[in-house]
Amino acid sequence: MDRLYNWWVSGHEVDHPAGFDPILVLDVFEHAYMVDYGTSERSEYVKAFFANLNWKVVEQRFDESKARRVASRFAI
């Protein structure tokens, strides 16, 4: 299965999906950006995050995740 899922976690300790293999994670809770951007500049933090992504690394993580899933189907 070559699928990507967007998963929103609304709490720090709940809604975490079991068995998922995250390839890209963005923390938008205030603690992640308030020191550098202030409490009202989350959008600037998100823009900076995406401007600095290395999409080759994200693609590599996706490919590695697919390979692990295929290998696990054949595990004894």
N, C-alpha and C. Protein backbone atom coordinates (compact mmCIF):
# COMPACT_ATOMS: atom_id res chain seq x y z
N MET A 1 0.83 -1.18 0.00
CA MET A 1 0.00 0.00 0.00
C MET A 1 0.88 1.25 0.00
N ASP A 2 0.76 2.07 -0.98
CA ASP A 2 1.52 3.31 -1.06
C ASP A 2 0.61 4.47 -0.70
N ARG A 3 0.31 4.60 0.57
CA ARG A 3 -0.61 5.65 1.01
C ARG A 3 0.05 6.52 2.06
N LEU A 4 -0.32 7.77 2.01
CA LEU A 4 0.06 8.70 3.05
C LEU A 4 -1.19 9.09 3.82
N TYR A 5 -1.05 9.28 5.09
CA TYR A 5 -2.17 9.71 5.93
C TYR A 5 -1.77 10.98 6.66
N ASN A 6 -2.67 11.93 6.69
CA ASN A 6 -2.51 13.10 7.55
C ASN A 6 -3.17 12.75 8.86
N TRP A 7 -2.45 12.94 9.94
CA TRP A 7 -3.00 12.62 11.25
C TRP A 7 -2.82 13.81 12.15
N TRP A 8 -3.92 14.32 12.66
CA TRP A 8 -3.92 15.47 13.55
C TRP A 8 -4.02 14.98 14.98
N VAL A 9 -3.07 15.38 15.80
CA VAL A 9 -3.10 15.04 17.22
C VAL A 9 -3.44 16.30 17.97
N SER A 10 -4.58 16.29 18.63
CA SER A 10 -5.05 17.51 19.27
C SER A 10 -4.61 17.64 20.72
N GLY A 11 -4.09 16.58 21.29
CA GLY A 11 -3.61 16.63 22.67
C GLY A 11 -2.21 16.06 22.76
N HIS A 12 -1.51 16.45 23.78
CA HIS A 12 -0.13 15.97 23.94
C HIS A 12 -0.06 14.47 24.18
N GLU A 13 -1.05 13.92 24.83
CA GLU A 13 -0.94 12.52 25.23
C GLU A 13 -2.07 11.64 24.71
N VAL A 14 -2.88 12.15 23.78
CA VAL A 14 -3.98 11.35 23.24
C VAL A 14 -3.99 11.45 21.71
N ASP A 15 -4.71 10.56 21.09
CA ASP A 15 -4.91 10.54 19.63
C ASP A 15 -3.66 10.14 18.84
N HIS A 16 -2.71 9.51 19.47
CA HIS A 16 -1.52 9.06 18.74
C HIS A 16 -1.83 7.72 18.08
N PRO A 17 -1.65 7.61 16.79
CA PRO A 17 -2.01 6.37 16.08
C PRO A 17 -0.99 5.26 16.33
N ALA A 18 -1.45 4.10 16.68
CA ALA A 18 -0.58 2.94 16.88
C ALA A 18 -0.21 2.34 15.55
N GLY A 19 1.03 1.97 15.39
CA GLY A 19 1.48 1.28 14.20
C GLY A 19 1.81 2.17 13.02
N PHE A 20 1.67 3.46 13.16
CA PHE A 20 2.02 4.37 12.07
C PHE A 20 3.52 4.63 12.07
N ASP A 21 4.04 4.90 10.92
CA ASP A 21 5.46 5.18 10.75
C ASP A 21 5.59 6.61 10.24
N PRO A 22 5.68 7.60 11.14
CA PRO A 22 5.67 8.99 10.68
C PRO A 22 6.88 9.32 9.81
N ILE A 23 6.64 10.06 8.75
CA ILE A 23 7.73 10.48 7.88
C ILE A 23 7.97 11.98 7.96
N LEU A 24 6.98 12.72 8.45
CA LEU A 24 7.11 14.16 8.61
C LEU A 24 6.19 14.59 9.73
N VAL A 25 6.75 15.30 10.70
CA VAL A 25 5.97 15.72 11.87
C VAL A 25 6.19 17.21 12.08
N LEU A 26 5.11 17.92 12.27
CA LEU A 26 5.17 19.36 12.55
C LEU A 26 4.43 19.61 13.86
N ASP A 27 5.13 20.12 14.84
CA ASP A 27 4.55 20.45 16.14
C ASP A 27 4.09 21.90 16.10
N VAL A 28 2.80 22.14 16.25
CA VAL A 28 2.29 23.51 16.24
C VAL A 28 1.71 23.92 17.59
N PHE A 29 2.05 23.19 18.64
CA PHE A 29 1.72 23.67 19.97
C PHE A 29 2.62 24.86 20.27
N GLU A 30 2.14 25.78 21.09
CA GLU A 30 2.86 27.03 21.35
C GLU A 30 4.30 26.82 21.81
N HIS A 31 4.56 25.77 22.58
CA HIS A 31 5.92 25.58 23.09
C HIS A 31 6.94 25.41 21.96
N ALA A 32 6.48 25.01 20.79
CA ALA A 32 7.39 24.75 19.68
C ALA A 32 7.88 26.03 19.01
N TYR A 33 7.11 27.08 19.06
CA TYR A 33 7.47 28.30 18.30
C TYR A 33 7.49 29.59 19.10
N MET A 34 6.97 29.62 20.32
CA MET A 34 6.79 30.91 21.00
C MET A 34 8.11 31.60 21.35
N VAL A 35 9.17 30.88 21.59
CA VAL A 35 10.45 31.52 21.91
C VAL A 35 10.97 32.30 20.71
N ASP A 36 10.87 31.71 19.52
CA ASP A 36 11.40 32.35 18.31
C ASP A 36 10.40 33.27 17.61
N TYR A 37 9.12 32.95 17.70
CA TYR A 37 8.12 33.67 16.91
C TYR A 37 7.06 34.39 17.74
N GLY A 38 7.06 34.21 19.04
CA GLY A 38 6.00 34.78 19.86
C GLY A 38 4.76 33.93 19.78
N THR A 39 3.81 34.21 20.64
CA THR A 39 2.61 33.37 20.71
C THR A 39 1.62 33.62 19.59
N SER A 40 1.79 34.71 18.86
CA SER A 40 0.80 35.04 17.81
C SER A 40 1.32 34.83 16.39
N GLU A 41 2.50 34.25 16.25
CA GLU A 41 3.10 34.11 14.91
C GLU A 41 3.26 32.65 14.47
N ARG A 42 2.27 31.84 14.78
CA ARG A 42 2.33 30.43 14.38
C ARG A 42 2.46 30.30 12.87
N SER A 43 1.77 31.13 12.12
CA SER A 43 1.82 31.02 10.66
C SER A 43 3.23 31.26 10.12
N GLU A 44 3.97 32.16 10.73
CA GLU A 44 5.36 32.40 10.30
C GLU A 44 6.24 31.19 10.61
N TYR A 45 5.98 30.57 11.75
CA TYR A 45 6.69 29.35 12.13
C TYR A 45 6.43 28.23 11.11
N VAL A 46 5.18 28.07 10.72
CA VAL A 46 4.81 27.03 9.74
C VAL A 46 5.46 27.34 8.39
N LYS A 47 5.45 28.59 7.96
CA LYS A 47 6.11 28.98 6.70
C LYS A 47 7.59 28.65 6.74
N ALA A 48 8.25 28.97 7.85
CA ALA A 48 9.68 28.68 7.99
C ALA A 48 9.94 27.17 7.97
N PHE A 49 9.07 26.41 8.61
CA PHE A 49 9.20 24.95 8.63
C PHE A 49 9.20 24.40 7.20
N PHE A 50 8.19 24.80 6.42
CA PHE A 50 8.09 24.29 5.06
C PHE A 50 9.18 24.84 4.14
N ALA A 51 9.65 26.04 4.39
CA ALA A 51 10.72 26.61 3.57
C ALA A 51 12.05 25.88 3.79
N ASN A 52 12.17 25.21 4.93
CA ASN A 52 13.43 24.55 5.26
C ASN A 52 13.38 23.03 5.17
N LEU A 53 12.31 22.50 4.63
CA LEU A 53 12.20 21.04 4.49
C LEU A 53 13.15 20.53 3.42
N ASN A 54 13.71 19.38 3.68
CA ASN A 54 14.49 18.67 2.68
C ASN A 54 13.60 17.55 2.14
N TRP A 55 12.95 17.81 1.01
CA TRP A 55 11.97 16.86 0.49
C TRP A 55 12.60 15.55 0.06
N LYS A 56 13.89 15.55 -0.26
CA LYS A 56 14.57 14.28 -0.58
C LYS A 56 14.60 13.37 0.64
N VAL A 57 14.82 13.96 1.81
CA VAL A 57 14.82 13.17 3.05
C VAL A 57 13.42 12.64 3.34
N VAL A 58 12.40 13.46 3.14
CA VAL A 58 11.02 13.01 3.36
C VAL A 58 10.70 11.86 2.41
N GLU A 59 11.09 11.99 1.16
CA GLU A 59 10.87 10.92 0.18
C GLU A 59 11.60 9.64 0.59
N GLN A 60 12.82 9.78 1.08
CA GLN A 60 13.59 8.62 1.52
C GLN A 60 12.89 7.93 2.69
N ARG A 61 12.38 8.71 3.63
CA ARG A 61 11.64 8.13 4.76
C ARG A 61 10.41 7.39 4.28
N PHE A 62 9.71 7.95 3.29
CA PHE A 62 8.53 7.29 2.75
C PHE A 62 8.92 5.96 2.11
N ASP A 63 9.97 5.96 1.31
CA ASP A 63 10.42 4.73 0.66
C ASP A 63 10.84 3.69 1.69
N GLU A 64 11.54 4.11 2.73
CA GLU A 64 11.96 3.18 3.78
C GLU A 64 10.76 2.62 4.54
N SER A 65 9.77 3.45 4.75
CA SER A 65 8.55 3.01 5.42
C SER A 65 7.83 1.96 4.58
N LYS A 66 7.74 2.19 3.27
CA LYS A 66 7.11 1.20 2.39
C LYS A 66 7.88 -0.12 2.44
N ALA A 67 9.21 -0.05 2.42
CA ALA A 67 10.02 -1.27 2.43
C ALA A 67 9.81 -2.05 3.73
N ARG A 68 9.69 -1.35 4.85
CA ARG A 68 9.45 -2.04 6.13
C ARG A 68 8.08 -2.72 6.13
N ARG A 69 7.07 -2.08 5.55
CA ARG A 69 5.74 -2.69 5.51
C ARG A 69 5.75 -3.95 4.66
N VAL A 70 6.41 -3.88 3.52
CA VAL A 70 6.48 -5.05 2.63
C VAL A 70 7.21 -6.18 3.33
N ALA A 71 8.33 -5.86 3.98
CA ALA A 71 9.11 -6.90 4.69
C ALA A 71 8.30 -7.51 5.82
N SER A 72 7.51 -6.70 6.52
CA SER A 72 6.75 -7.23 7.66
C SER A 72 5.63 -8.16 7.21
N ARG A 73 5.16 -8.02 6.00
CA ARG A 73 4.11 -8.92 5.50
C ARG A 73 4.62 -10.34 5.32
N PHE A 74 5.92 -10.45 5.09
CA PHE A 74 6.50 -11.77 4.83
C PHE A 74 7.23 -12.33 6.04
N ALA A 75 7.20 -11.62 7.14
CA ALA A 75 7.85 -12.10 8.37
C ALA A 75 7.08 -13.29 8.94
N ILE A 76 7.82 -14.18 9.54
CA ILE A 76 7.19 -15.39 10.13
C ILE A 76 6.77 -15.10 11.54
